[in-house]
């Protein structure tokens, strides 16, 4: 596999992993409003498993993308560079809030009572954070 094909494959994996994380968060958020009340916690646990797999792929492929771009990456003082730094900070925030989210979902799943309101809040924040990352990524790709 040549360098260009490998770089394309890494970018494709990066986009697929973000689609998994973001699309899954949207789905769990929607299901917390409309889905089966008796299954929502189980679905949220399954999402958490997918999220952490996707997060690992995103980190690995993100580093790979940076390696492929190498010296062509603009400095942090440029508009592109400051947008990129902002994206990385939001990614760090997402990772920081995701471990407590995963633990909260496990706790909620063990409860007998209603969990919908808590899951709405938890996944609303996750979906919003992922949406901000996607918006910044689109800006970086096209701006």
C-alpha atoms as a PDB file:
ATOM      1  CA  UNK A   1       0.000   0.000   0.000  1.00  0.00           C
ATOM      2  CA  UNK A   2       1.499   3.344  -0.992  1.00  0.00           C
ATOM      3  CA  UNK A   3       1.693   6.388   1.288  1.00  0.00           C
ATOM      4  CA  UNK A   4      -1.286   8.146  -0.313  1.00  0.00           C
ATOM      5  CA  UNK A   5      -3.549   5.107  -0.013  1.00  0.00           C
ATOM      6  CA  UNK A   6      -2.520   4.606   3.598  1.00  0.00           C
ATOM      7  CA  UNK A   7      -3.208   8.268   4.422  1.00  0.00           C
ATOM      8  CA  UNK A   8      -6.655   7.965   2.805  1.00  0.00           C
ATOM      9  CA  UNK A   9      -7.410   4.787   4.765  1.00  0.00           C
ATOM     10  CA  UNK A  10      -6.393   6.504   8.028  1.00  0.00           C
ATOM     11  CA  UNK A  11      -8.649   9.487   7.253  1.00  0.00           C
ATOM     12  CA  UNK A  12     -11.518   7.161   6.367  1.00  0.00           C
ATOM     13  CA  UNK A  13     -11.134   5.315   9.690  1.00  0.00           C
ATOM     14  CA  UNK A  14     -11.057   8.660  11.508  1.00  0.00           C
ATOM     15  CA  UNK A  15     -14.326   9.766   9.906  1.00  0.00           C
ATOM     16  CA  UNK A  16     -15.952   6.357  10.492  1.00  0.00           C
ATOM     17  CA  UNK A  17     -14.981   6.404  14.176  1.00  0.00           C
ATOM     18  CA  UNK A  18     -16.402   9.926  14.607  1.00  0.00           C
ATOM     19  CA  UNK A  19     -19.582   8.859  12.822  1.00  0.00           C
ATOM     20  CA  UNK A  20     -19.877   5.993  15.317  1.00  0.00           C
ATOM     21  CA  UNK A  21     -19.307   8.231  18.348  1.00  0.00           C
ATOM     22  CA  UNK A  22     -21.469  11.139  17.171  1.00  0.00           C
ATOM     23  CA  UNK A  23     -24.209   9.100  15.511  1.00  0.00           C
ATOM     24  CA  UNK A  24     -24.429   6.806  18.524  1.00  0.00           C
ATOM     25  CA  UNK A  25     -24.703   9.766  20.898  1.00  0.00           C
ATOM     26  CA  UNK A  26     -27.502  11.241  18.775  1.00  0.00           C
ATOM     27  CA  UNK A  27     -29.285   7.894  18.763  1.00  0.00           C
ATOM     28  CA  UNK A  28     -29.031   7.391  22.533  1.00  0.00           C
ATOM     29  CA  UNK A  29     -30.184  10.969  23.123  1.00  0.00           C
ATOM     30  CA  UNK A  30     -33.192  10.420  20.856  1.00  0.00           C
ATOM     31  CA  UNK A  31     -33.967   7.064  22.465  1.00  0.00           C
ATOM     32  CA  UNK A  32     -33.838   8.665  25.906  1.00  0.00           C
ATOM     33  CA  UNK A  33     -36.835  10.714  24.762  1.00  0.00           C
ATOM     34  CA  UNK A  34     -38.708   8.209  22.592  1.00  0.00           C
ATOM     35  CA  UNK A  35     -37.202   4.745  23.001  1.00  0.00           C
ATOM     36  CA  UNK A  36     -38.293   1.774  25.086  1.00  0.00           C
ATOM     37  CA  UNK A  37     -37.966   2.788  28.744  1.00  0.00           C
ATOM     38  CA  UNK A  38     -37.078  -0.734  29.821  1.00  0.00           C
ATOM     39  CA  UNK A  39     -34.169  -0.990  27.338  1.00  0.00           C
ATOM     40  CA  UNK A  40     -32.636   2.496  27.282  1.00  0.00           C
ATOM     41  CA  UNK A  41     -30.037   1.795  29.989  1.00  0.00           C
ATOM     42  CA  UNK A  42     -28.894  -1.370  28.187  1.00  0.00           C
ATOM     43  CA  UNK A  43     -28.630   0.565  24.933  1.00  0.00           C
ATOM     44  CA  UNK A  44     -26.617   3.284  26.699  1.00  0.00           C
ATOM     45  CA  UNK A  45     -24.187   0.674  28.049  1.00  0.00           C
ATOM     46  CA  UNK A  46     -23.716  -0.728  24.545  1.00  0.00           C
ATOM     47  CA  UNK A  47     -23.051   2.803  23.260  1.00  0.00           C
ATOM     48  CA  UNK A  48     -20.412   3.305  25.961  1.00  0.00           C
ATOM     49  CA  UNK A  49     -18.577   0.236  24.695  1.00  0.00           C
ATOM     50  CA  UNK A  50     -18.728   1.527  21.118  1.00  0.00           C
ATOM     51  CA  UNK A  51     -17.741   5.038  22.209  1.00  0.00           C
ATOM     52  CA  UNK A  52     -14.519   3.928  23.886  1.00  0.00           C
ATOM     53  CA  UNK A  53     -13.558   1.813  20.879  1.00  0.00           C
ATOM     54  CA  UNK A  54     -14.251   4.757  18.583  1.00  0.00           C
ATOM     55  CA  UNK A  55     -12.312   7.094  20.897  1.00  0.00           C
ATOM     56  CA  UNK A  56      -9.270   4.846  20.663  1.00  0.00           C
ATOM     57  CA  UNK A  57      -9.483   4.769  16.880  1.00  0.00           C
ATOM     58  CA  UNK A  58      -9.947   8.564  16.790  1.00  0.00           C
ATOM     59  CA  UNK A  59      -6.824   9.150  18.861  1.00  0.00           C
ATOM     60  CA  UNK A  60      -4.704   6.750  16.809  1.00  0.00           C
ATOM     61  CA  UNK A  61      -5.905   8.031  13.453  1.00  0.00           C
ATOM     62  CA  UNK A  62      -5.754  11.661  14.605  1.00  0.00           C
ATOM     63  CA  UNK A  63      -2.083  11.204  15.417  1.00  0.00           C
ATOM     64  CA  UNK A  64      -1.666   9.421  12.071  1.00  0.00           C
ATOM     65  CA  UNK A  65      -3.318  12.299  10.235  1.00  0.00           C
ATOM     66  CA  UNK A  66      -1.008  14.787  11.942  1.00  0.00           C
ATOM     67  CA  UNK A  67       1.973  12.631  11.027  1.00  0.00           C
ATOM     68  CA  UNK A  68       0.861  12.527   7.391  1.00  0.00           C
ATOM     69  CA  UNK A  69       0.451  16.303   7.278  1.00  0.00           C
ATOM     70  CA  UNK A  70       3.778  16.863   9.036  1.00  0.00           C
ATOM     71  CA  UNK A  71       5.320  20.271   8.455  1.00  0.00           C
ATOM     72  CA  UNK A  72       2.274  21.431   6.470  1.00  0.00           C
ATOM     73  CA  UNK A  73       0.301  21.907   9.711  1.00  0.00           C
ATOM     74  CA  UNK A  74      -0.083  25.664  10.264  1.00  0.00           C
ATOM     75  CA  UNK A  75       1.312  27.216  13.441  1.00  0.00           C
ATOM     76  CA  UNK A  76      -0.981  27.747  16.466  1.00  0.00           C
ATOM     77  CA  UNK A  77      -0.839  31.518  15.864  1.00  0.00           C
ATOM     78  CA  UNK A  78      -2.737  31.175  12.563  1.00  0.00           C
ATOM     79  CA  UNK A  79      -6.527  31.004  12.265  1.00  0.00           C
ATOM     80  CA  UNK A  80      -6.306  27.319  11.277  1.00  0.00           C
ATOM     81  CA  UNK A  81      -3.890  26.601  14.108  1.00  0.00           C
ATOM     82  CA  UNK A  82      -6.032  28.274  16.763  1.00  0.00           C
ATOM     83  CA  UNK A  83      -9.109  26.402  15.497  1.00  0.00           C
ATOM     84  CA  UNK A  84      -7.135  23.166  15.711  1.00  0.00           C
ATOM     85  CA  UNK A  85      -6.005  23.925  19.275  1.00  0.00           C
ATOM     86  CA  UNK A  86      -9.632  24.704  20.205  1.00  0.00           C
ATOM     87  CA  UNK A  87     -10.704  21.368  18.727  1.00  0.00           C
ATOM     88  CA  UNK A  88      -8.031  19.529  20.724  1.00  0.00           C
ATOM     89  CA  UNK A  89      -9.135  21.271  23.936  1.00  0.00           C
ATOM     90  CA  UNK A  90     -12.757  20.263  23.360  1.00  0.00           C
ATOM     91  CA  UNK A  91     -11.617  16.695  22.628  1.00  0.00           C
ATOM     92  CA  UNK A  92      -9.750  16.715  25.954  1.00  0.00           C
ATOM     93  CA  UNK A  93     -12.901  17.968  27.700  1.00  0.00           C
ATOM     94  CA  UNK A  94     -14.935  15.218  26.019  1.00  0.00           C
ATOM     95  CA  UNK A  95     -12.526  12.550  27.243  1.00  0.00           C
ATOM     96  CA  UNK A  96     -12.537  14.084  30.746  1.00  0.00           C
ATOM     97  CA  UNK A  97     -16.351  13.978  30.972  1.00  0.00           C
ATOM     98  CA  UNK A  98     -16.688  10.580  29.310  1.00  0.00           C
ATOM     99  CA  UNK A  99     -15.304   8.440  32.111  1.00  0.00           C
ATOM    100  CA  UNK A 100     -17.764   9.880  34.660  1.00  0.00           C
ATOM    101  CA  UNK A 101     -20.503   9.508  32.015  1.00  0.00           C
ATOM    102  CA  UNK A 102     -19.663   5.825  31.523  1.00  0.00           C
ATOM    103  CA  UNK A 103     -19.630   5.215  35.274  1.00  0.00           C
ATOM    104  CA  UNK A 104     -22.935   7.064  35.680  1.00  0.00           C
ATOM    105  CA  UNK A 105     -24.528   4.961  32.937  1.00  0.00           C
ATOM    106  CA  UNK A 106     -23.420   1.763  34.664  1.00  0.00           C
ATOM    107  CA  UNK A 107     -24.874   3.050  37.948  1.00  0.00           C
ATOM    108  CA  UNK A 108     -28.128   4.087  36.274  1.00  0.00           C
ATOM    109  CA  UNK A 109     -28.458   0.696  34.591  1.00  0.00           C
ATOM    110  CA  UNK A 110     -28.360  -1.013  37.980  1.00  0.00           C
ATOM    111  CA  UNK A 111     -31.294   1.046  39.290  1.00  0.00           C
ATOM    112  CA  UNK A 112     -34.865  -0.126  39.177  1.00  0.00           C
ATOM    113  CA  UNK A 113     -36.390   3.341  38.766  1.00  0.00           C
ATOM    114  CA  UNK A 114     -36.682   5.676  35.792  1.00  0.00           C
ATOM    115  CA  UNK A 115     -33.397   6.688  34.170  1.00  0.00           C
ATOM    116  CA  UNK A 116     -34.613   8.692  31.171  1.00  0.00           C
ATOM    117  CA  UNK A 117     -34.148  12.215  32.615  1.00  0.00           C
ATOM    118  CA  UNK A 118     -30.570  11.493  33.692  1.00  0.00           C
ATOM    119  CA  UNK A 119     -29.701   9.890  30.362  1.00  0.00           C
ATOM    120  CA  UNK A 120     -31.208  12.830  28.472  1.00  0.00           C
ATOM    121  CA  UNK A 121     -28.911  15.212  30.304  1.00  0.00           C
ATOM    122  CA  UNK A 122     -25.828  12.998  30.062  1.00  0.00           C
ATOM    123  CA  UNK A 123     -26.189  12.321  26.361  1.00  0.00           C
ATOM    124  CA  UNK A 124     -27.355  15.835  25.555  1.00  0.00           C
ATOM    125  CA  UNK A 125     -23.992  17.124  26.809  1.00  0.00           C
ATOM    126  CA  UNK A 126     -22.105  14.373  24.971  1.00  0.00           C
ATOM    127  CA  UNK A 127     -23.964  15.035  21.715  1.00  0.00           C
ATOM    128  CA  UNK A 128     -23.413  18.793  21.993  1.00  0.00           C
ATOM    129  CA  UNK A 129     -19.700  18.346  22.664  1.00  0.00           C
ATOM    130  CA  UNK A 130     -19.309  15.963  19.739  1.00  0.00           C
ATOM    131  CA  UNK A 131     -21.263  18.387  17.514  1.00  0.00           C
ATOM    132  CA  UNK A 132     -18.801  21.154  18.411  1.00  0.00           C
ATOM    133  CA  UNK A 133     -15.867  18.884  17.529  1.00  0.00           C
ATOM    134  CA  UNK A 134     -17.460  17.967  14.187  1.00  0.00           C
ATOM    135  CA  UNK A 135     -18.136  21.640  13.397  1.00  0.00           C
ATOM    136  CA  UNK A 136     -14.524  22.523  14.103  1.00  0.00           C
ATOM    137  CA  UNK A 137     -13.304  19.558  12.050  1.00  0.00           C
ATOM    138  CA  UNK A 138     -15.389  20.691   9.078  1.00  0.00           C
ATOM    139  CA  UNK A 139     -13.986  24.202   9.460  1.00  0.00           C
ATOM    140  CA  UNK A 140     -10.453  22.796   9.495  1.00  0.00           C
ATOM    141  CA  UNK A 141     -11.079  20.595   6.466  1.00  0.00           C
ATOM    142  CA  UNK A 142     -12.622  23.362   4.394  1.00  0.00           C
ATOM    143  CA  UNK A 143     -11.162  26.555   5.744  1.00  0.00           C
END
